[in-house]
Amino acid sequence: MREFADENGQVWVGTIQEESGDDYKGRFYFVFHEESESEGSVVSLTDVRWNSERTAERTLRTMSDVELRRRLRSARGRSV
């Protein structure tokens, strides 16, 4: 889990979610929600995927805030 501010100063939480199924490949993907909101208002970026939770968490942990904002913009643009 990682907190960061978007271009307007709103704090978001980036995390990883697992999609269940028979195939393990690409099971984990990005999920964002506003810090002040419950996790009911989730924005997902499902085209960035990992095979393991460990790799997904490491990627999230090492991403810059600039990269996280870019990914959030992409996810929000696709959810409209």
PDB file of N, CA and C in Angstrom:
ATOM      1  N   MET A   1       0.844  -1.163   0.000  1.00  0.00           N
ATOM      2  CA  MET A   1       0.000   0.000   0.000  1.00  0.00           C
ATOM      3  C   MET A   1       0.897   1.237   0.000  1.00  0.00           C
ATOM      4  N   ARG A   2       0.463   2.252  -0.757  1.00  0.00           N
ATOM      5  CA  ARG A   2       1.286   3.442  -0.881  1.00  0.00           C
ATOM      6  C   ARG A   2       0.405   4.672  -0.996  1.00  0.00           C
ATOM      7  N   GLU A   3       0.679   5.694  -0.201  1.00  0.00           N
ATOM      8  CA  GLU A   3      -0.053   6.954  -0.273  1.00  0.00           C
ATOM      9  C   GLU A   3       0.739   7.956  -1.102  1.00  0.00           C
ATOM     10  N   PHE A   4       0.007   8.763  -1.893  1.00  0.00           N
ATOM     11  CA  PHE A   4       0.627   9.807  -2.699  1.00  0.00           C
ATOM     12  C   PHE A   4      -0.432  10.857  -3.020  1.00  0.00           C
ATOM     13  N   ALA A   5       0.018  12.038  -3.405  1.00  0.00           N
ATOM     14  CA  ALA A   5      -0.905  13.129  -3.734  1.00  0.00           C
ATOM     15  C   ALA A   5      -0.990  13.275  -5.249  1.00  0.00           C
ATOM     16  N   ASP A   6      -2.217  13.510  -5.749  1.00  0.00           N
ATOM     17  CA  ASP A   6      -2.385  13.751  -7.177  1.00  0.00           C
ATOM     18  C   ASP A   6      -2.013  15.197  -7.501  1.00  0.00           C
ATOM     19  N   GLU A   7      -2.207  15.614  -8.753  1.00  0.00           N
ATOM     20  CA  GLU A   7      -1.811  16.951  -9.185  1.00  0.00           C
ATOM     21  C   GLU A   7      -2.599  18.066  -8.491  1.00  0.00           C
ATOM     22  N   ASN A   8      -3.746  17.718  -7.872  1.00  0.00           N
ATOM     23  CA  ASN A   8      -4.557  18.699  -7.144  1.00  0.00           C
ATOM     24  C   ASN A   8      -4.325  18.666  -5.639  1.00  0.00           C
ATOM     25  N   GLY A   9      -3.424  17.815  -5.180  1.00  0.00           N
ATOM     26  CA  GLY A   9      -3.125  17.706  -3.754  1.00  0.00           C
ATOM     27  C   GLY A   9      -3.982  16.705  -3.001  1.00  0.00           C
ATOM     28  N   GLN A  10      -4.932  16.064  -3.690  1.00  0.00           N
ATOM     29  CA  GLN A  10      -5.781  15.040  -3.073  1.00  0.00           C
ATOM     30  C   GLN A  10      -4.936  13.793  -2.803  1.00  0.00           C
ATOM     31  N   VAL A  11      -5.028  13.269  -1.594  1.00  0.00           N
ATOM     32  CA  VAL A  11      -4.241  12.082  -1.232  1.00  0.00           C
ATOM     33  C   VAL A  11      -4.969  10.822  -1.692  1.00  0.00           C
ATOM     34  N   TRP A  12      -4.228   9.969  -2.368  1.00  0.00           N
ATOM     35  CA  TRP A  12      -4.728   8.693  -2.874  1.00  0.00           C
ATOM     36  C   TRP A  12      -3.926   7.553  -2.257  1.00  0.00           C
ATOM     37  N   VAL A  13      -4.517   6.389  -2.247  1.00  0.00           N
ATOM     38  CA  VAL A  13      -3.848   5.172  -1.791  1.00  0.00           C
ATOM     39  C   VAL A  13      -3.763   4.229  -2.981  1.00  0.00           C
ATOM     40  N   GLY A  14      -2.556   3.810  -3.292  1.00  0.00           N
ATOM     41  CA  GLY A  14      -2.336   2.828  -4.343  1.00  0.00           C
ATOM     42  C   GLY A  14      -2.069   1.482  -3.708  1.00  0.00           C
ATOM     43  N   THR A  15      -2.689   0.467  -4.238  1.00  0.00           N
ATOM     44  CA  THR A  15      -2.492  -0.870  -3.696  1.00  0.00           C
ATOM     45  C   THR A  15      -2.619  -1.890  -4.827  1.00  0.00           C
ATOM     46  N   ILE A  16      -2.499  -3.141  -4.475  1.00  0.00           N
ATOM     47  CA  ILE A  16      -2.562  -4.237  -5.437  1.00  0.00           C
ATOM     48  C   ILE A  16      -3.770  -5.096  -5.098  1.00  0.00           C
ATOM     49  N   GLN A  17      -4.453  -5.546  -6.131  1.00  0.00           N
ATOM     50  CA  GLN A  17      -5.587  -6.442  -5.919  1.00  0.00           C
ATOM     51  C   GLN A  17      -5.383  -7.701  -6.751  1.00  0.00           C
ATOM     52  N   GLU A  18      -5.949  -8.790  -6.279  1.00  0.00           N
ATOM     53  CA  GLU A  18      -5.809 -10.072  -6.961  1.00  0.00           C
ATOM     54  C   GLU A  18      -7.111 -10.433  -7.661  1.00  0.00           C
ATOM     55  N   GLU A  19      -6.977 -10.901  -8.898  1.00  0.00           N
ATOM     56  CA  GLU A  19      -8.125 -11.409  -9.645  1.00  0.00           C
ATOM     57  C   GLU A  19      -8.057 -12.926  -9.585  1.00  0.00           C
ATOM     58  N   SER A  20      -9.071 -13.530  -9.041  1.00  0.00           N
ATOM     59  CA  SER A  20      -9.033 -14.986  -8.898  1.00  0.00           C
ATOM     60  C   SER A  20      -9.302 -15.667 -10.238  1.00  0.00           C
ATOM     61  N   GLY A  21      -8.873 -16.883 -10.317  1.00  0.00           N
ATOM     62  CA  GLY A  21      -9.060 -17.668 -11.535  1.00  0.00           C
ATOM     63  C   GLY A  21      -8.101 -18.825 -11.565  1.00  0.00           C
ATOM     64  N   ASP A  22      -8.208 -19.627 -12.607  1.00  0.00           N
ATOM     65  CA  ASP A  22      -7.370 -20.815 -12.735  1.00  0.00           C
ATOM     66  C   ASP A  22      -5.946 -20.491 -13.176  1.00  0.00           C
ATOM     67  N   ASP A  23      -5.776 -19.391 -13.910  1.00  0.00           N
ATOM     68  CA  ASP A  23      -4.466 -19.025 -14.431  1.00  0.00           C
ATOM     69  C   ASP A  23      -3.771 -18.065 -13.472  1.00  0.00           C
ATOM     70  N   TYR A  24      -2.554 -18.357 -13.106  1.00  0.00           N
ATOM     71  CA  TYR A  24      -1.820 -17.497 -12.178  1.00  0.00           C
ATOM     72  C   TYR A  24      -1.172 -16.308 -12.878  1.00  0.00           C
ATOM     73  N   LYS A  25      -1.023 -16.350 -14.197  1.00  0.00           N
ATOM     74  CA  LYS A  25      -0.326 -15.283 -14.916  1.00  0.00           C
ATOM     75  C   LYS A  25      -1.165 -14.008 -14.934  1.00  0.00           C
ATOM     76  N   GLY A  26      -0.525 -12.910 -14.564  1.00  0.00           N
ATOM     77  CA  GLY A  26      -1.194 -11.623 -14.603  1.00  0.00           C
ATOM     78  C   GLY A  26      -2.343 -11.496 -13.631  1.00  0.00           C
ATOM     79  N   ARG A  27      -2.243 -12.123 -12.516  1.00  0.00           N
ATOM     80  CA  ARG A  27      -3.334 -12.158 -11.550  1.00  0.00           C
ATOM     81  C   ARG A  27      -3.449 -10.863 -10.731  1.00  0.00           C
ATOM     82  N   PHE A  28      -2.351 -10.136 -10.534  1.00  0.00           N
ATOM     83  CA  PHE A  28      -2.331  -8.952  -9.668  1.00  0.00           C
ATOM     84  C   PHE A  28      -2.288  -7.671 -10.494  1.00  0.00           C
ATOM     85  N   TYR A  29      -3.018  -6.634 -10.049  1.00  0.00           N
ATOM     86  CA  TYR A  29      -3.087  -5.371 -10.783  1.00  0.00           C
ATOM     87  C   TYR A  29      -3.253  -4.197  -9.816  1.00  0.00           C
ATOM     88  N   PHE A  30      -3.064  -2.965 -10.349  1.00  0.00           N
ATOM     89  CA  PHE A  30      -3.163  -1.738  -9.548  1.00  0.00           C
ATOM     90  C   PHE A  30      -4.607  -1.391  -9.208  1.00  0.00           C
ATOM     91  N   VAL A  31      -4.783  -0.856  -8.005  1.00  0.00           N
ATOM     92  CA  VAL A  31      -6.062  -0.300  -7.561  1.00  0.00           C
ATOM     93  C   VAL A  31      -5.763   0.983  -6.800  1.00  0.00           C
ATOM     94  N   PHE A  32      -6.549   2.032  -7.056  1.00  0.00           N
ATOM     95  CA  PHE A  32      -6.392   3.318  -6.377  1.00  0.00           C
ATOM     96  C   PHE A  32      -7.709   3.716  -5.740  1.00  0.00           C
ATOM     97  N   HIS A  33      -7.642   4.344  -4.557  1.00  0.00           N
ATOM     98  CA  HIS A  33      -8.829   4.965  -3.972  1.00  0.00           C
ATOM     99  C   HIS A  33      -8.397   6.187  -3.174  1.00  0.00           C
ATOM    100  N   GLU A  34      -9.308   7.170  -3.090  1.00  0.00           N
ATOM    101  CA  GLU A  34      -8.993   8.376  -2.334  1.00  0.00           C
ATOM    102  C   GLU A  34      -8.847   8.027  -0.864  1.00  0.00           C
ATOM    103  N   GLU A  35      -7.904   8.665  -0.204  1.00  0.00           N
ATOM    104  CA  GLU A  35      -7.658   8.380   1.204  1.00  0.00           C
ATOM    105  C   GLU A  35      -8.903   8.664   2.036  1.00  0.00           C
ATOM    106  N   SER A  36      -9.623   9.731   1.712  1.00  0.00           N
ATOM    107  CA  SER A  36     -10.785  10.124   2.501  1.00  0.00           C
ATOM    108  C   SER A  36     -12.018   9.276   2.208  1.00  0.00           C
ATOM    109  N   GLU A  37     -12.005   8.518   1.130  1.00  0.00           N
ATOM    110  CA  GLU A  37     -13.144   7.693   0.740  1.00  0.00           C
ATOM    111  C   GLU A  37     -12.956   6.264   1.233  1.00  0.00           C
ATOM    112  N   SER A  38     -14.076   5.575   1.352  1.00  0.00           N
ATOM    113  CA  SER A  38     -13.983   4.151   1.640  1.00  0.00           C
ATOM    114  C   SER A  38     -13.508   3.453   0.379  1.00  0.00           C
ATOM    115  N   GLU A  39     -13.154   2.218   0.488  1.00  0.00           N
ATOM    116  CA  GLU A  39     -12.665   1.502  -0.678  1.00  0.00           C
ATOM    117  C   GLU A  39     -13.789   1.186  -1.660  1.00  0.00           C
ATOM    118  N   GLY A  40     -14.994   1.704  -1.417  1.00  0.00           N
ATOM    119  CA  GLY A  40     -16.090   1.528  -2.354  1.00  0.00           C
ATOM    120  C   GLY A  40     -15.890   2.313  -3.634  1.00  0.00           C
ATOM    121  N   SER A  41     -15.109   3.385  -3.598  1.00  0.00           N
ATOM    122  CA  SER A  41     -14.863   4.205  -4.788  1.00  0.00           C
ATOM    123  C   SER A  41     -13.477   3.895  -5.347  1.00  0.00           C
ATOM    124  N   VAL A  42     -13.336   2.729  -5.918  1.00  0.00           N
ATOM    125  CA  VAL A  42     -12.052   2.223  -6.396  1.00  0.00           C
ATOM    126  C   VAL A  42     -11.889   2.497  -7.888  1.00  0.00           C
ATOM    127  N   VAL A  43     -10.679   2.884  -8.276  1.00  0.00           N
ATOM    128  CA  VAL A  43     -10.305   3.031  -9.683  1.00  0.00           C
ATOM    129  C   VAL A  43      -9.231   1.987  -9.952  1.00  0.00           C
ATOM    130  N   SER A  44      -9.488   1.116 -10.913  1.00  0.00           N
ATOM    131  CA  SER A  44      -8.551   0.028 -11.216  1.00  0.00           C
ATOM    132  C   SER A  44      -7.808   0.289 -12.514  1.00  0.00           C
ATOM    133  N   LEU A  45      -6.589  -0.183 -12.565  1.00  0.00           N
ATOM    134  CA  LEU A  45      -5.793  -0.154 -13.790  1.00  0.00           C
ATOM    135  C   LEU A  45      -5.413  -1.599 -14.080  1.00  0.00           C
ATOM    136  N   THR A  46      -6.268  -2.279 -14.817  1.00  0.00           N
ATOM    137  CA  THR A  46      -6.125  -3.729 -14.989  1.00  0.00           C
ATOM    138  C   THR A  46      -5.172  -4.139 -16.101  1.00  0.00           C
ATOM    139  N   ASP A  47      -4.691  -3.195 -16.912  1.00  0.00           N
ATOM    140  CA  ASP A  47      -3.771  -3.617 -17.967  1.00  0.00           C
ATOM    141  C   ASP A  47      -2.311  -3.583 -17.534  1.00  0.00           C
ATOM    142  N   VAL A  48      -2.040  -3.245 -16.292  1.00  0.00           N
ATOM    143  CA  VAL A  48      -0.701  -3.379 -15.711  1.00  0.00           C
ATOM    144  C   VAL A  48      -0.809  -4.528 -14.719  1.00  0.00           C
ATOM    145  N   ARG A  49      -0.171  -5.664 -15.031  1.00  0.00           N
ATOM    146  CA  ARG A  49      -0.368  -6.876 -14.234  1.00  0.00           C
ATOM    147  C   ARG A  49       0.954  -7.551 -13.878  1.00  0.00           C
ATOM    148  N   TRP A  50       0.890  -8.309 -12.792  1.00  0.00           N
ATOM    149  CA  TRP A  50       2.044  -9.090 -12.330  1.00  0.00           C
ATOM    150  C   TRP A  50       1.609 -10.513 -12.020  1.00  0.00           C
ATOM    151  N   ASN A  51       2.586 -11.419 -12.062  1.00  0.00           N
ATOM    152  CA  ASN A  51       2.311 -12.820 -11.768  1.00  0.00           C
ATOM    153  C   ASN A  51       2.329 -13.132 -10.288  1.00  0.00           C
ATOM    154  N   SER A  52       3.028 -12.314  -9.492  1.00  0.00           N
ATOM    155  CA  SER A  52       3.098 -12.605  -8.056  1.00  0.00           C
ATOM    156  C   SER A  52       2.834 -11.344  -7.245  1.00  0.00           C
ATOM    157  N   GLU A  53       2.292 -11.544  -6.084  1.00  0.00           N
ATOM    158  CA  GLU A  53       2.022 -10.426  -5.188  1.00  0.00           C
ATOM    159  C   GLU A  53       3.320  -9.751  -4.755  1.00  0.00           C
ATOM    160  N   ARG A  54       4.338 -10.537  -4.547  1.00  0.00           N
ATOM    161  CA  ARG A  54       5.637 -10.001  -4.125  1.00  0.00           C
ATOM    162  C   ARG A  54       6.198  -9.025  -5.164  1.00  0.00           C
ATOM    163  N   THR A  55       6.137  -9.394  -6.422  1.00  0.00           N
ATOM    164  CA  THR A  55       6.631  -8.531  -7.490  1.00  0.00           C
ATOM    165  C   THR A  55       5.772  -7.279  -7.620  1.00  0.00           C
ATOM    166  N   ALA A  56       4.472  -7.427  -7.511  1.00  0.00           N
ATOM    167  CA  ALA A  56       3.565  -6.282  -7.602  1.00  0.00           C
ATOM    168  C   ALA A  56       3.817  -5.298  -6.471  1.00  0.00           C
ATOM    169  N   GLU A  57       3.956  -5.797  -5.259  1.00  0.00           N
ATOM    170  CA  GLU A  57       4.213  -4.936  -4.105  1.00  0.00           C
ATOM    171  C   GLU A  57       5.565  -4.236  -4.228  1.00  0.00           C
ATOM    172  N   ARG A  58       6.573  -4.946  -4.704  1.00  0.00           N
ATOM    173  CA  ARG A  58       7.891  -4.331  -4.893  1.00  0.00           C
ATOM    174  C   ARG A  58       7.819  -3.201  -5.918  1.00  0.00           C
ATOM    175  N   THR A  59       7.103  -3.423  -6.993  1.00  0.00           N
ATOM    176  CA  THR A  59       6.958  -2.397  -8.021  1.00  0.00           C
ATOM    177  C   THR A  59       6.263  -1.169  -7.452  1.00  0.00           C
ATOM    178  N   LEU A  60       5.182  -1.377  -6.749  1.00  0.00           N
ATOM    179  CA  LEU A  60       4.451  -0.263  -6.135  1.00  0.00           C
ATOM    180  C   LEU A  60       5.326   0.495  -5.145  1.00  0.00           C
ATOM    181  N   ARG A  61       6.081  -0.227  -4.361  1.00  0.00           N
ATOM    182  CA  ARG A  61       6.941   0.380  -3.338  1.00  0.00           C
ATOM    183  C   ARG A  61       8.061   1.238  -3.952  1.00  0.00           C
ATOM    184  N   THR A  62       8.545   0.859  -5.135  1.00  0.00           N
ATOM    185  CA  THR A  62       9.684   1.554  -5.722  1.00  0.00           C
ATOM    186  C   THR A  62       9.296   2.602  -6.764  1.00  0.00           C
ATOM    187  N   MET A  63       8.015   2.728  -7.076  1.00  0.00           N
ATOM    188  CA  MET A  63       7.573   3.729  -8.059  1.00  0.00           C
ATOM    189  C   MET A  63       7.673   5.131  -7.484  1.00  0.00           C
ATOM    190  N   SER A  64       8.017   6.074  -8.336  1.00  0.00           N
ATOM    191  CA  SER A  64       8.045   7.474  -7.915  1.00  0.00           C
ATOM    192  C   SER A  64       6.619   8.007  -7.832  1.00  0.00           C
ATOM    193  N   ASP A  65       6.440   9.113  -7.115  1.00  0.00           N
ATOM    194  CA  ASP A  65       5.129   9.756  -7.035  1.00  0.00           C
ATOM    195  C   ASP A  65       4.678  10.228  -8.407  1.00  0.00           C
ATOM    196  N   VAL A  66       5.611  10.668  -9.227  1.00  0.00           N
ATOM    197  CA  VAL A  66       5.279  11.111 -10.590  1.00  0.00           C
ATOM    198  C   VAL A  66       4.677   9.950 -11.384  1.00  0.00           C
ATOM    199  N   GLU A  67       5.286   8.793 -11.286  1.00  0.00           N
ATOM    200  CA  GLU A  67       4.787   7.618 -11.990  1.00  0.00           C
ATOM    201  C   GLU A  67       3.428   7.192 -11.445  1.00  0.00           C
ATOM    202  N   LEU A  68       3.238   7.238 -10.145  1.00  0.00           N
ATOM    203  CA  LEU A  68       1.946   6.891  -9.558  1.00  0.00           C
ATOM    204  C   LEU A  68       0.853   7.853 -10.022  1.00  0.00           C
ATOM    205  N   ARG A  69       1.158   9.143 -10.083  1.00  0.00           N
ATOM    206  CA  ARG A  69       0.176  10.114 -10.589  1.00  0.00           C
ATOM    207  C   ARG A  69      -0.168   9.833 -12.048  1.00  0.00           C
ATOM    208  N   ARG A  70       0.822   9.474 -12.833  1.00  0.00           N
ATOM    209  CA  ARG A  70       0.586   9.152 -14.242  1.00  0.00           C
ATOM    210  C   ARG A  70      -0.323   7.933 -14.376  1.00  0.00           C
ATOM    211  N   ARG A  71      -0.052   6.910 -13.587  1.00  0.00           N
ATOM    212  CA  ARG A  71      -0.887   5.690 -13.617  1.00  0.00           C
ATOM    213  C   ARG A  71      -2.306   5.992 -13.145  1.00  0.00           C
ATOM    214  N   LEU A  72      -2.444   6.833 -12.131  1.00  0.00           N
ATOM    215  CA  LEU A  72      -3.770   7.217 -11.638  1.00  0.00           C
ATOM    216  C   LEU A  72      -4.544   7.968 -12.722  1.00  0.00           C
ATOM    217  N   ARG A  73      -3.902   8.923 -13.390  1.00  0.00           N
ATOM    218  CA  ARG A  73      -4.559   9.657 -14.483  1.00  0.00           C
ATOM    219  C   ARG A  73      -5.040   8.689 -15.562  1.00  0.00           C
ATOM    220  N   SER A  74      -4.214   7.735 -15.888  1.00  0.00           N
ATOM    221  CA  SER A  74      -4.578   6.742 -16.888  1.00  0.00           C
ATOM    222  C   SER A  74      -5.789   5.922 -16.445  1.00  0.00           C
ATOM    223  N   ALA A  75      -5.785   5.461 -15.205  1.00  0.00           N
ATOM    224  CA  ALA A  75      -6.890   4.666 -14.680  1.00  0.00           C
ATOM    225  C   ALA A  75      -8.175   5.479 -14.612  1.00  0.00           C
ATOM    226  N   ARG A  76      -8.082   6.733 -14.184  1.00  0.00           N
ATOM    227  CA  ARG A  76      -9.275   7.579 -14.090  1.00  0.00           C
ATOM    228  C   ARG A  76      -9.827   7.894 -15.478  1.00  0.00           C
ATOM    229  N   GLY A  77      -8.953   8.106 -16.442  1.00  0.00           N
ATOM    230  CA  GLY A  77      -9.398   8.372 -17.805  1.00  0.00           C
ATOM    231  C   GLY A  77     -10.113   7.195 -18.433  1.00  0.00           C
ATOM    232  N   ARG A  78      -9.723   5.999 -18.097  1.00  0.00           N
ATOM    233  CA  ARG A  78     -10.331   4.798 -18.649  1.00  0.00           C
ATOM    234  C   ARG A  78     -11.627   4.434 -17.950  1.00  0.00           C
ATOM    235  N   SER A  79     -11.842   4.932 -16.737  1.00  0.00           N
ATOM    236  CA  SER A  79     -13.043   4.565 -15.988  1.00  0.00           C
ATOM    237  C   SER A  79     -14.234   5.460 -16.303  1.00  0.00           C
ATOM    238  N   VAL A  80     -14.025   6.479 -17.137  1.00  0.00           N
ATOM    239  CA  VAL A  80     -15.115   7.420 -17.459  1.00  0.00           C
ATOM    240  C   VAL A  80     -16.006   6.844 -18.527  1.00  0.00           C
TER     241      VAL A  80
END
